[in-house]
Protein backbone atom coordinates (compact mmCIF):
# COMPACT_ATOMS: atom_id res chain seq x y z
CA MET A 1 89.87 94.79 96.86
CA ILE A 2 87.49 93.19 94.42
CA VAL A 3 85.92 94.87 91.38
CA THR A 4 83.10 93.21 89.38
CA GLY A 5 82.20 94.28 85.92
CA ALA A 6 85.92 95.07 85.14
CA ASN A 7 86.35 93.55 81.47
CA SER A 8 85.16 96.67 79.70
CA PRO A 9 88.13 98.38 77.80
CA ASN A 10 87.45 101.81 79.01
CA GLY A 11 84.84 101.25 81.81
CA ILE A 12 84.30 102.04 85.49
CA GLY A 13 85.63 98.91 86.54
CA ARG A 14 88.92 99.13 84.66
CA ALA A 15 89.29 102.85 85.91
CA THR A 16 88.39 101.83 89.60
CA SER A 17 90.98 99.08 89.43
CA HIS A 18 93.73 101.42 88.18
CA GLN A 19 92.91 104.01 90.80
CA PHE A 20 93.25 101.75 93.78
CA ALA A 21 96.41 100.21 92.23
CA ARG A 22 97.75 103.61 91.95
CA ASN A 23 96.92 104.65 95.48
CA GLY A 24 98.58 101.54 97.18
CA ALA A 25 96.29 98.57 97.25
CA THR A 26 98.11 95.44 97.86
CA ALA A 27 95.89 93.24 95.85
CA VAL A 28 93.11 93.99 93.15
CA TYR A 29 90.85 91.12 92.17
CA ILE A 30 89.38 92.13 88.59
CA CYS A 31 86.38 90.31 87.69
CA ASP A 32 83.70 89.76 84.98
CA TYR A 33 81.57 87.25 83.50
CA ARG A 34 83.35 88.09 80.12
CA THR A 35 87.17 87.76 80.27
CA ASP A 36 88.57 88.43 76.77
CA LEU A 37 90.23 91.75 78.32
CA LEU A 38 90.79 90.76 81.81
CA ASP A 39 94.31 89.42 81.44
CA ILE A 40 95.26 92.48 79.43
CA HIS A 41 94.07 94.77 82.15
CA ALA A 42 95.97 92.69 84.80
CA ARG A 43 99.24 93.05 82.91
CA GLU A 44 98.75 96.62 82.37
CA ILE A 45 98.00 97.27 85.97
CA GLU A 46 100.90 95.04 87.06
CA SER A 47 103.38 96.91 84.87
CA LEU A 48 102.03 100.41 85.90
CA TYR A 49 102.12 99.61 89.64
CA PRO A 50 104.78 96.94 90.29
CA GLY A 51 103.84 96.34 93.96
CA VAL A 52 100.22 95.37 93.27
CA LYS A 53 99.21 91.63 92.81
CA VAL A 54 96.41 91.67 90.21
CA HIS A 55 94.08 88.44 90.04
CA ALA A 56 91.81 88.22 86.93
CA ARG A 57 88.89 85.98 87.61
CA LYS A 58 85.65 84.88 85.67
CA ILE A 59 82.58 85.21 87.77
CA ASP A 60 78.95 85.67 87.39
CA ALA A 61 78.08 88.59 89.78
CA GLY A 62 74.23 87.36 89.76
CA ASP A 63 75.37 83.94 90.97
CA GLU A 64 75.73 83.73 94.90
CA ALA A 65 77.78 80.79 94.86
CA ASP A 66 80.32 82.59 92.56
CA VAL A 67 80.33 85.58 94.67
CA LYS A 68 81.02 83.64 97.93
CA LYS A 69 83.85 81.54 96.32
CA LEU A 70 85.47 84.60 95.28
CA VAL A 71 85.25 86.33 98.59
CA ASP A 72 86.18 83.08 100.34
CA ASP A 73 89.49 82.89 98.13
CA VAL A 74 90.33 86.45 98.97
CA LEU A 75 89.92 85.90 102.78
CA GLU A 76 91.96 82.80 102.53
CA GLN A 77 94.75 84.32 100.44
CA TYR A 78 95.05 87.69 102.29
CA GLY A 79 93.03 87.30 105.63
CA ARG A 80 90.78 90.06 104.96
CA LEU A 81 88.67 92.02 102.41
CA ASP A 82 88.65 96.07 102.64
CA ILE A 83 86.62 96.70 99.37
CA PHE A 84 84.11 95.12 97.31
CA PHE A 85 83.07 97.31 94.34
CA ALA A 86 79.71 95.58 92.81
CA ASN A 87 80.12 97.32 89.58
CA ALA A 88 78.71 94.55 87.31
CA GLY A 89 75.48 95.31 85.42
CA ILE A 90 73.48 93.75 82.77
CA ILE A 91 70.43 94.00 80.78
CA ALA A 92 69.17 90.65 80.38
CA GLY A 93 67.98 89.62 76.98
CA GLY A 94 69.22 93.07 75.63
CA GLU A 95 65.72 94.40 75.63
CA ARG A 96 64.11 97.55 77.24
CA ILE A 97 63.37 96.70 80.90
CA LEU A 98 59.64 97.34 80.24
CA ASP A 99 59.63 94.84 77.56
CA ALA A 100 61.55 92.09 79.62
CA SER A 101 60.08 88.91 80.33
CA ALA A 102 59.76 88.21 84.12
CA ASP A 103 62.61 85.65 83.83
CA ASN A 104 64.99 88.23 82.19
CA PHE A 105 63.85 90.93 84.72
CA MET A 106 64.92 88.74 87.66
CA LYS A 107 68.19 87.86 86.00
CA THR A 108 68.82 91.61 85.70
CA MET A 109 67.98 92.37 89.40
CA ARG A 110 69.84 89.38 90.70
CA THR A 111 73.05 90.87 89.08
CA ASN A 112 72.55 94.50 89.37
CA ALA A 113 70.92 94.85 92.60
CA LEU A 114 70.90 91.53 94.75
CA ARG A 115 74.65 90.87 94.86
């Protein structure tokens, strides 16, 4: 399984990773553009659910090449991918969507809706 947007200390991506690990996932890929907490999450999941292999990866969910490489890596390693939870989301530029430039709006849409 792949979970994007998994770096948050208490977010949906972290909780989802734990839920699938708890319920028998063989491998969980926790991914985010920011990585400061990914290794901590990986160690925590592996210690709570010893049979689960956790892979922490830095990816940009809005970049097609990053997502493709990740999926290809999973398929090469495990031969299949059962679940891809596209949880990553951004607000490009940190502004209200109505005030966003066209470039920031499109960056937000690439991450939040396209991939």
